[in-house]
Every structure is written in C-alpha cells, then in structure tokens.
Amino acid sequence: MIYYSVIPAEVALQDPAQPEPKIREVLVEGVSMMVEVDGAGEGRILRLLSTDPAHYLDPRYQPGSRVSLKS
C-alpha cells in the first residue's frame, strides 16, 4: 500500500489507544533539544534545536540517546 498525504505517516497511522508521549524542549549542558520524557527523570533525545554545529557531531547528543533531566 502506498500512502500519499501531507500529514506525516507516524501521525496518521498512530494507534489512538496509545497515550500521547510527553515531549518537552529542554536545555541539557547548554544544548537545546526536544526530549521525550520518562517518569524516571530521564528522557530520550528526539532532535537537537541548537545552532552550534559541534553539538550535532557530539555522540552524546545523537537522537535516541538518553539524557538526565535532573539539574
């Protein structure tokens, strides 16, 4: 099946029974990023919002990496 739409596939095909993930914009070690928050004070990086190219080359800030949200 081919799906053509302006709506992203992950939005259109998501399971309505699943709860919405908690996504927040946070600043971790001076790097701005979007994080999916867990209940354990940690989060999974979804994307970087930083304008510094060096942050994108740092393996600690790769999407999918875990970060601590405790200050």
C-alpha atoms as a PDB file:
ATOM      1  CA  MET A   1       0.000   0.000   0.000  1.00  0.00           C
ATOM      2  CA  ILE A   2       1.272   3.455  -0.866  1.00  0.00           C
ATOM      3  CA  TYR A   3       0.357   6.321   1.436  1.00  0.00           C
ATOM      4  CA  TYR A   4       0.334   9.838  -0.040  1.00  0.00           C
ATOM      5  CA  SER A   5      -0.503  12.679   2.349  1.00  0.00           C
ATOM      6  CA  VAL A   6       0.770  15.981   3.713  1.00  0.00           C
ATOM      7  CA  ILE A   7       0.271  14.522   7.206  1.00  0.00           C
ATOM      8  CA  PRO A   8       3.338  12.602   8.460  1.00  0.00           C
ATOM      9  CA  ALA A   9       2.788   8.836   8.407  1.00  0.00           C
ATOM     10  CA  GLU A  10       3.646   8.459  12.113  1.00  0.00           C
ATOM     11  CA  VAL A  11       0.814  10.885  12.964  1.00  0.00           C
ATOM     12  CA  ALA A  12      -1.795   9.481  10.588  1.00  0.00           C
ATOM     13  CA  LEU A  13      -1.090   5.830  11.389  1.00  0.00           C
ATOM     14  CA  GLN A  14      -0.623   6.093  15.161  1.00  0.00           C
ATOM     15  CA  ASP A  15      -2.711   3.946  17.488  1.00  0.00           C
ATOM     16  CA  PRO A  16      -5.379   6.137  19.144  1.00  0.00           C
ATOM     17  CA  ALA A  17      -5.387   3.824  22.184  1.00  0.00           C
ATOM     18  CA  GLN A  18      -1.761   4.728  22.987  1.00  0.00           C
ATOM     19  CA  PRO A  19      -1.235   7.756  25.257  1.00  0.00           C
ATOM     20  CA  GLU A  20       0.500  10.842  23.842  1.00  0.00           C
ATOM     21  CA  PRO A  21       4.235  10.912  24.620  1.00  0.00           C
ATOM     22  CA  LYS A  22       5.403  13.695  26.918  1.00  0.00           C
ATOM     23  CA  ILE A  23       7.674  15.837  24.765  1.00  0.00           C
ATOM     24  CA  ARG A  24       9.467  18.863  26.192  1.00  0.00           C
ATOM     25  CA  GLU A  25      12.016  21.375  25.000  1.00  0.00           C
ATOM     26  CA  VAL A  26      14.898  21.295  27.498  1.00  0.00           C
ATOM     27  CA  LEU A  27      18.386  22.674  27.956  1.00  0.00           C
ATOM     28  CA  VAL A  28      20.915  19.948  28.850  1.00  0.00           C
ATOM     29  CA  GLU A  29      24.517  21.054  29.479  1.00  0.00           C
ATOM     30  CA  GLY A  30      23.813  24.209  27.454  1.00  0.00           C
ATOM     31  CA  VAL A  31      22.362  22.316  24.467  1.00  0.00           C
ATOM     32  CA  SER A  32      18.751  22.970  23.464  1.00  0.00           C
ATOM     33  CA  MET A  33      16.856  19.823  22.436  1.00  0.00           C
ATOM     34  CA  MET A  34      13.450  18.138  22.189  1.00  0.00           C
ATOM     35  CA  VAL A  35      13.168  15.217  24.604  1.00  0.00           C
ATOM     36  CA  GLU A  36      10.561  12.501  25.190  1.00  0.00           C
ATOM     37  CA  VAL A  37      10.277  12.410  28.989  1.00  0.00           C
ATOM     38  CA  ASP A  38      10.221   9.214  31.067  1.00  0.00           C
ATOM     39  CA  GLY A  39       8.876   9.062  34.590  1.00  0.00           C
ATOM     40  CA  ALA A  40      12.356   8.329  35.966  1.00  0.00           C
ATOM     41  CA  GLY A  41      13.798  11.839  35.474  1.00  0.00           C
ATOM     42  CA  GLU A  42      15.369  10.834  32.194  1.00  0.00           C
ATOM     43  CA  GLY A  43      14.488  11.379  28.584  1.00  0.00           C
ATOM     44  CA  ARG A  44      15.253  10.217  25.073  1.00  0.00           C
ATOM     45  CA  ILE A  45      16.557  12.819  22.623  1.00  0.00           C
ATOM     46  CA  LEU A  46      14.228  13.309  19.676  1.00  0.00           C
ATOM     47  CA  ARG A  47      16.067  16.180  17.972  1.00  0.00           C
ATOM     48  CA  LEU A  48      18.533  18.967  18.632  1.00  0.00           C
ATOM     49  CA  LEU A  49      17.496  22.597  18.404  1.00  0.00           C
ATOM     50  CA  SER A  50      20.977  24.041  18.875  1.00  0.00           C
ATOM     51  CA  THR A  51      22.590  26.295  16.288  1.00  0.00           C
ATOM     52  CA  ASP A  52      26.121  25.117  17.146  1.00  0.00           C
ATOM     53  CA  PRO A  53      27.364  22.579  14.543  1.00  0.00           C
ATOM     54  CA  ALA A  54      29.677  20.979  17.127  1.00  0.00           C
ATOM     55  CA  HIS A  55      26.646  19.763  19.104  1.00  0.00           C
ATOM     56  CA  TYR A  56      25.455  17.738  16.104  1.00  0.00           C
ATOM     57  CA  LEU A  57      28.842  15.985  15.891  1.00  0.00           C
ATOM     58  CA  ASP A  58      28.901  15.067  19.599  1.00  0.00           C
ATOM     59  CA  PRO A  59      27.792  11.415  20.014  1.00  0.00           C
ATOM     60  CA  ARG A  60      26.259  12.212  23.435  1.00  0.00           C
ATOM     61  CA  TYR A  61      23.536  14.230  21.698  1.00  0.00           C
ATOM     62  CA  GLN A  62      22.523  11.811  18.948  1.00  0.00           C
ATOM     63  CA  PRO A  63      18.774  11.249  18.566  1.00  0.00           C
ATOM     64  CA  GLY A  64      17.771   8.211  20.617  1.00  0.00           C
ATOM     65  CA  SER A  65      20.407   8.846  23.278  1.00  0.00           C
ATOM     66  CA  ARG A  66      19.328   9.006  26.926  1.00  0.00           C
ATOM     67  CA  VAL A  67      19.870  12.170  28.970  1.00  0.00           C
ATOM     68  CA  SER A  68      19.275  13.034  32.614  1.00  0.00           C
ATOM     69  CA  LEU A  69      16.750  15.819  33.149  1.00  0.00           C
ATOM     70  CA  LYS A  70      17.682  16.418  36.775  1.00  0.00           C
ATOM     71  CA  SER A  71      19.514  19.692  37.362  1.00  0.00           C
END
